[in-house]
N, C-alpha and C. Protein backbone atom coordinates (compact mmCIF):
# COMPACT_ATOMS: atom_id res chain seq x y z
N MET A 1 -32.25 -45.59 -3.17
CA MET A 1 -32.42 -46.64 -4.15
C MET A 1 -31.70 -47.89 -3.65
N ILE A 2 -32.33 -48.98 -3.71
CA ILE A 2 -31.76 -50.25 -3.27
C ILE A 2 -31.29 -51.01 -4.50
N ILE A 3 -30.00 -51.39 -4.47
CA ILE A 3 -29.41 -52.14 -5.58
C ILE A 3 -29.31 -53.59 -5.14
N PRO A 4 -29.77 -54.51 -5.95
CA PRO A 4 -29.66 -55.92 -5.60
C PRO A 4 -28.21 -56.29 -5.31
N SER A 5 -27.97 -57.24 -4.40
CA SER A 5 -26.61 -57.58 -3.95
C SER A 5 -25.73 -58.06 -5.09
N TYR A 6 -26.25 -58.77 -6.08
CA TYR A 6 -25.42 -59.22 -7.19
C TYR A 6 -24.90 -58.03 -8.00
N ARG A 7 -25.68 -56.93 -8.07
CA ARG A 7 -25.21 -55.73 -8.79
C ARG A 7 -24.18 -54.98 -7.96
N GLN A 8 -24.36 -54.98 -6.63
CA GLN A 8 -23.37 -54.34 -5.76
C GLN A 8 -22.01 -55.01 -5.94
N ALA A 9 -21.99 -56.33 -5.98
CA ALA A 9 -20.74 -57.07 -6.12
C ALA A 9 -20.08 -56.75 -7.46
N SER A 10 -20.88 -56.58 -8.50
CA SER A 10 -20.28 -56.29 -9.81
C SER A 10 -19.81 -54.84 -9.90
N LEU A 11 -20.28 -53.97 -9.05
CA LEU A 11 -19.86 -52.57 -9.06
C LEU A 11 -18.59 -52.35 -8.25
N ARG A 12 -18.24 -53.26 -7.35
CA ARG A 12 -17.07 -53.07 -6.49
C ARG A 12 -15.77 -52.90 -7.28
N PRO A 13 -15.48 -53.75 -8.25
CA PRO A 13 -14.23 -53.55 -9.00
C PRO A 13 -14.21 -52.22 -9.74
N LEU A 14 -15.35 -51.82 -10.28
CA LEU A 14 -15.42 -50.55 -10.99
C LEU A 14 -15.20 -49.39 -10.03
N LEU A 15 -15.83 -49.46 -8.88
CA LEU A 15 -15.68 -48.42 -7.87
C LEU A 15 -14.23 -48.35 -7.40
N SER A 16 -13.61 -49.49 -7.20
CA SER A 16 -12.21 -49.54 -6.77
C SER A 16 -11.31 -48.89 -7.83
N LEU A 17 -11.55 -49.21 -9.09
CA LEU A 17 -10.78 -48.63 -10.18
C LEU A 17 -10.96 -47.12 -10.23
N LEU A 18 -12.19 -46.65 -10.11
CA LEU A 18 -12.46 -45.21 -10.14
C LEU A 18 -11.77 -44.49 -8.98
N LEU A 19 -11.81 -45.09 -7.80
CA LEU A 19 -11.14 -44.49 -6.65
C LEU A 19 -9.63 -44.44 -6.85
N SER A 20 -9.07 -45.48 -7.44
CA SER A 20 -7.63 -45.49 -7.72
C SER A 20 -7.25 -44.40 -8.71
N ILE A 21 -8.05 -44.25 -9.75
CA ILE A 21 -7.79 -43.21 -10.75
C ILE A 21 -7.88 -41.83 -10.10
N LEU A 22 -8.89 -41.63 -9.27
CA LEU A 22 -9.06 -40.36 -8.59
C LEU A 22 -7.85 -40.06 -7.70
N ALA A 23 -7.38 -41.05 -6.97
CA ALA A 23 -6.22 -40.86 -6.10
C ALA A 23 -4.99 -40.48 -6.91
N ILE A 24 -4.78 -41.14 -8.04
CA ILE A 24 -3.64 -40.83 -8.91
C ILE A 24 -3.74 -39.41 -9.44
N LEU A 25 -4.91 -39.02 -9.86
CA LEU A 25 -5.09 -37.66 -10.37
C LEU A 25 -4.84 -36.62 -9.29
N LEU A 26 -5.34 -36.87 -8.10
CA LEU A 26 -5.13 -35.93 -7.01
C LEU A 26 -3.66 -35.81 -6.65
N LEU A 27 -2.96 -36.92 -6.59
CA LEU A 27 -1.54 -36.88 -6.27
C LEU A 27 -0.73 -36.21 -7.36
N SER A 28 -1.08 -36.44 -8.61
CA SER A 28 -0.33 -35.81 -9.69
C SER A 28 -0.61 -34.32 -9.76
N ALA A 29 -1.77 -33.88 -9.34
CA ALA A 29 -2.09 -32.46 -9.32
C ALA A 29 -1.27 -31.73 -8.27
N CYS A 30 -0.87 -32.45 -7.24
CA CYS A 30 -0.07 -31.84 -6.18
C CYS A 30 1.38 -31.64 -6.63
N GLY A 31 1.77 -32.25 -7.70
CA GLY A 31 3.13 -32.12 -8.19
C GLY A 31 4.03 -33.16 -7.56
N SER A 32 5.18 -33.32 -8.13
CA SER A 32 6.13 -34.26 -7.56
C SER A 32 6.89 -33.57 -6.45
N PRO A 33 7.54 -34.36 -5.60
CA PRO A 33 8.31 -33.74 -4.54
C PRO A 33 9.33 -32.78 -5.12
N SER A 34 9.55 -31.69 -4.45
CA SER A 34 10.46 -30.67 -4.93
C SER A 34 11.89 -31.19 -4.95
N ASN A 35 12.65 -30.76 -5.91
CA ASN A 35 14.06 -31.11 -5.95
C ASN A 35 14.90 -29.88 -5.69
N ALA A 36 14.35 -28.92 -4.93
CA ALA A 36 15.04 -27.67 -4.67
C ALA A 36 16.38 -27.87 -3.98
N LEU A 37 16.48 -28.88 -3.14
CA LEU A 37 17.73 -29.10 -2.41
C LEU A 37 18.53 -30.27 -2.97
N GLU A 38 18.45 -30.48 -4.26
CA GLU A 38 19.29 -31.48 -4.91
C GLU A 38 20.48 -30.77 -5.53
N GLY A 39 21.62 -31.38 -5.41
CA GLY A 39 22.83 -30.81 -5.98
C GLY A 39 24.04 -31.40 -5.31
N PRO A 40 25.19 -30.76 -5.48
CA PRO A 40 26.41 -31.26 -4.83
C PRO A 40 26.21 -31.34 -3.32
N ALA A 41 26.60 -32.45 -2.74
CA ALA A 41 26.35 -32.71 -1.32
C ALA A 41 26.87 -31.61 -0.42
N GLU A 42 28.08 -31.13 -0.68
CA GLU A 42 28.66 -30.10 0.20
C GLU A 42 27.89 -28.79 0.12
N VAL A 43 27.40 -28.44 -1.06
CA VAL A 43 26.62 -27.21 -1.22
C VAL A 43 25.25 -27.35 -0.56
N VAL A 44 24.62 -28.49 -0.76
CA VAL A 44 23.32 -28.75 -0.15
C VAL A 44 23.44 -28.71 1.37
N GLN A 45 24.54 -29.25 1.91
CA GLN A 45 24.74 -29.22 3.37
C GLN A 45 24.87 -27.78 3.87
N ILE A 46 25.57 -26.95 3.14
CA ILE A 46 25.70 -25.53 3.53
C ILE A 46 24.33 -24.87 3.48
N ALA A 47 23.57 -25.14 2.42
CA ALA A 47 22.23 -24.55 2.30
C ALA A 47 21.34 -25.00 3.46
N ARG A 48 21.42 -26.27 3.82
CA ARG A 48 20.61 -26.79 4.94
C ARG A 48 20.99 -26.10 6.25
N SER A 49 22.27 -25.87 6.46
CA SER A 49 22.69 -25.28 7.73
C SER A 49 22.58 -23.76 7.77
N ALA A 50 22.72 -23.10 6.63
CA ALA A 50 22.77 -21.63 6.65
C ALA A 50 21.55 -20.94 6.05
N CYS A 51 20.78 -21.63 5.23
CA CYS A 51 19.76 -20.93 4.44
C CYS A 51 18.31 -21.26 4.79
N ILE A 52 18.05 -22.50 5.20
CA ILE A 52 16.65 -22.92 5.30
C ILE A 52 15.86 -22.24 6.41
N SER A 53 16.54 -21.68 7.40
CA SER A 53 15.78 -21.03 8.46
C SER A 53 14.98 -19.85 7.92
N CYS A 54 15.46 -19.19 6.90
CA CYS A 54 14.72 -18.07 6.29
C CYS A 54 14.15 -18.41 4.91
N HIS A 55 14.87 -19.25 4.17
CA HIS A 55 14.47 -19.55 2.80
C HIS A 55 13.63 -20.81 2.67
N GLY A 56 13.49 -21.59 3.74
CA GLY A 56 12.63 -22.77 3.73
C GLY A 56 13.35 -24.03 3.33
N SER A 57 12.79 -25.15 3.74
CA SER A 57 13.42 -26.45 3.49
C SER A 57 13.44 -26.83 2.01
N GLU A 58 12.61 -26.20 1.22
CA GLU A 58 12.60 -26.42 -0.23
C GLU A 58 12.87 -25.12 -0.98
N LEU A 59 13.49 -24.18 -0.27
CA LEU A 59 13.83 -22.85 -0.81
C LEU A 59 12.60 -22.05 -1.23
N GLN A 60 11.45 -22.39 -0.67
CA GLN A 60 10.18 -21.77 -1.04
C GLN A 60 10.00 -20.39 -0.42
N GLY A 61 10.86 -20.00 0.49
CA GLY A 61 10.76 -18.69 1.14
C GLY A 61 9.85 -18.76 2.35
N LYS A 62 10.37 -18.36 3.48
CA LYS A 62 9.58 -18.39 4.70
C LYS A 62 9.26 -17.00 5.20
N MET A 63 9.88 -15.99 4.61
CA MET A 63 9.72 -14.63 5.11
C MET A 63 9.19 -13.70 4.02
N GLY A 64 8.38 -14.23 3.15
CA GLY A 64 7.82 -13.44 2.06
C GLY A 64 8.31 -13.92 0.72
N PRO A 65 7.65 -13.46 -0.34
CA PRO A 65 7.98 -13.95 -1.69
C PRO A 65 9.41 -13.64 -2.13
N GLU A 66 9.98 -12.58 -1.62
CA GLU A 66 11.35 -12.24 -2.02
C GLU A 66 12.38 -13.22 -1.46
N THR A 67 11.99 -14.04 -0.49
CA THR A 67 12.92 -15.03 0.06
C THR A 67 12.80 -16.39 -0.64
N ASN A 68 11.93 -16.49 -1.63
CA ASN A 68 11.80 -17.72 -2.42
C ASN A 68 12.99 -17.81 -3.37
N LEU A 69 13.76 -18.88 -3.25
CA LEU A 69 14.96 -19.05 -4.08
C LEU A 69 14.80 -20.15 -5.12
N GLN A 70 13.60 -20.69 -5.27
CA GLN A 70 13.41 -21.81 -6.18
C GLN A 70 13.73 -21.46 -7.63
N HIS A 71 13.61 -20.20 -8.00
CA HIS A 71 13.92 -19.76 -9.37
C HIS A 71 14.77 -18.49 -9.34
N VAL A 72 15.63 -18.39 -8.35
CA VAL A 72 16.42 -17.18 -8.16
C VAL A 72 17.34 -16.89 -9.34
N GLY A 73 17.76 -17.94 -10.07
CA GLY A 73 18.62 -17.75 -11.23
C GLY A 73 17.96 -16.98 -12.37
N LYS A 74 16.64 -16.88 -12.36
CA LYS A 74 15.92 -16.07 -13.35
C LYS A 74 16.02 -14.59 -13.02
N ARG A 75 16.14 -14.29 -11.72
CA ARG A 75 16.12 -12.90 -11.26
C ARG A 75 17.51 -12.31 -11.10
N LEU A 76 18.44 -13.13 -10.66
CA LEU A 76 19.77 -12.63 -10.31
C LEU A 76 20.86 -13.44 -10.99
N SER A 77 21.95 -12.77 -11.32
CA SER A 77 23.11 -13.47 -11.89
C SER A 77 23.89 -14.14 -10.76
N LYS A 78 24.83 -14.97 -11.13
CA LYS A 78 25.68 -15.64 -10.15
C LYS A 78 26.43 -14.61 -9.31
N GLU A 79 26.92 -13.57 -9.93
CA GLU A 79 27.66 -12.53 -9.22
C GLU A 79 26.76 -11.77 -8.24
N GLN A 80 25.54 -11.48 -8.66
CA GLN A 80 24.59 -10.80 -7.77
C GLN A 80 24.24 -11.68 -6.57
N ILE A 81 24.06 -12.96 -6.81
CA ILE A 81 23.74 -13.89 -5.73
C ILE A 81 24.92 -13.97 -4.76
N ALA A 82 26.14 -14.09 -5.27
CA ALA A 82 27.33 -14.16 -4.42
C ALA A 82 27.47 -12.89 -3.58
N ARG A 83 27.22 -11.75 -4.18
CA ARG A 83 27.30 -10.49 -3.43
C ARG A 83 26.25 -10.45 -2.33
N GLN A 84 25.04 -10.89 -2.63
CA GLN A 84 23.96 -10.92 -1.64
C GLN A 84 24.33 -11.83 -0.47
N ILE A 85 24.92 -12.97 -0.77
CA ILE A 85 25.33 -13.89 0.30
C ILE A 85 26.44 -13.24 1.14
N ARG A 86 27.43 -12.65 0.46
CA ARG A 86 28.55 -12.04 1.19
C ARG A 86 28.11 -10.85 2.03
N LYS A 87 27.42 -9.92 1.42
CA LYS A 87 27.12 -8.64 2.06
C LYS A 87 25.77 -8.58 2.76
N GLY A 88 24.87 -9.49 2.41
CA GLY A 88 23.53 -9.44 2.99
C GLY A 88 22.67 -8.42 2.27
N GLY A 89 21.55 -8.12 2.84
CA GLY A 89 20.62 -7.17 2.24
C GLY A 89 19.68 -6.64 3.30
N GLU A 90 18.53 -6.20 2.87
CA GLU A 90 17.57 -5.59 3.79
C GLU A 90 17.39 -6.39 5.07
N SER A 91 16.87 -7.59 4.96
CA SER A 91 16.67 -8.41 6.17
C SER A 91 17.60 -9.61 6.20
N MET A 92 18.41 -9.76 5.17
CA MET A 92 19.34 -10.89 5.11
C MET A 92 20.67 -10.50 5.74
N PRO A 93 21.16 -11.32 6.66
CA PRO A 93 22.47 -11.02 7.24
C PRO A 93 23.60 -11.33 6.25
N ALA A 94 24.73 -10.71 6.46
CA ALA A 94 25.93 -10.99 5.67
C ALA A 94 26.52 -12.33 6.12
N PHE A 95 27.01 -13.10 5.16
CA PHE A 95 27.60 -14.39 5.48
C PHE A 95 29.09 -14.44 5.18
N GLU A 96 29.72 -13.31 4.83
CA GLU A 96 31.14 -13.35 4.47
C GLU A 96 32.03 -13.71 5.66
N SER A 97 31.56 -13.51 6.88
CA SER A 97 32.35 -13.91 8.04
C SER A 97 31.97 -15.31 8.54
N ARG A 98 30.90 -15.88 8.00
CA ARG A 98 30.44 -17.21 8.43
C ARG A 98 30.78 -18.31 7.43
N LEU A 99 30.91 -17.94 6.17
CA LEU A 99 31.21 -18.92 5.12
C LEU A 99 32.51 -18.55 4.43
N THR A 100 33.21 -19.55 3.92
CA THR A 100 34.43 -19.28 3.17
C THR A 100 34.06 -18.75 1.78
N ALA A 101 35.05 -18.18 1.11
CA ALA A 101 34.83 -17.69 -0.25
C ALA A 101 34.41 -18.83 -1.17
N GLU A 102 34.99 -20.01 -0.96
CA GLU A 102 34.65 -21.18 -1.78
C GLU A 102 33.21 -21.63 -1.52
N GLU A 103 32.77 -21.58 -0.28
CA GLU A 103 31.40 -21.97 0.05
C GLU A 103 30.40 -20.99 -0.57
N ILE A 104 30.71 -19.71 -0.50
CA ILE A 104 29.85 -18.69 -1.11
C ILE A 104 29.80 -18.87 -2.62
N GLU A 105 30.93 -19.12 -3.23
CA GLU A 105 31.00 -19.35 -4.68
C GLU A 105 30.18 -20.58 -5.06
N GLY A 106 30.29 -21.65 -4.28
CA GLY A 106 29.52 -22.87 -4.55
C GLY A 106 28.03 -22.63 -4.44
N LEU A 107 27.61 -21.93 -3.39
CA LEU A 107 26.19 -21.60 -3.23
C LEU A 107 25.70 -20.74 -4.38
N ALA A 108 26.47 -19.72 -4.74
CA ALA A 108 26.07 -18.82 -5.82
C ALA A 108 25.95 -19.56 -7.15
N SER A 109 26.89 -20.45 -7.44
CA SER A 109 26.83 -21.23 -8.68
C SER A 109 25.58 -22.11 -8.69
N TRP A 110 25.34 -22.79 -7.58
CA TRP A 110 24.19 -23.69 -7.47
C TRP A 110 22.89 -22.92 -7.59
N LEU A 111 22.77 -21.82 -6.84
CA LEU A 111 21.52 -21.04 -6.86
C LEU A 111 21.28 -20.37 -8.21
N SER A 112 22.33 -19.93 -8.88
CA SER A 112 22.14 -19.27 -10.18
C SER A 112 21.60 -20.23 -11.22
N GLY A 113 21.77 -21.51 -11.00
CA GLY A 113 21.23 -22.53 -11.91
C GLY A 113 19.76 -22.81 -11.68
N LYS A 114 19.17 -22.24 -10.66
CA LYS A 114 17.76 -22.47 -10.34
C LYS A 114 16.93 -21.49 -11.16
N LYS A 115 16.43 -21.96 -12.28
CA LYS A 115 15.68 -21.10 -13.19
C LYS A 115 14.36 -21.66 -13.46
């Protein structure tokens, strides 16, 4: 179908608006950037250096669903998280010789708040 040029010109603003709305909807459907690594700077730094290789840069889990920590506070208490960090688990190494008690406590407090 051939549209006269004057009609094409009048459709451009409408098409531009529709494309903008579509872009906004697509971006909002993707969600906002994760805030998984927001928190006290010293705790976030420990998480970046000790945790992201297995748990992911946004705590999304890189080694299966059980390594996702984005909502770990729903599954485990602060004490359970601290014990897991200290002693390790099935595929998780123990960190009690790599982190101080204060660092483990800080991580456990921060992670237990992720619900």
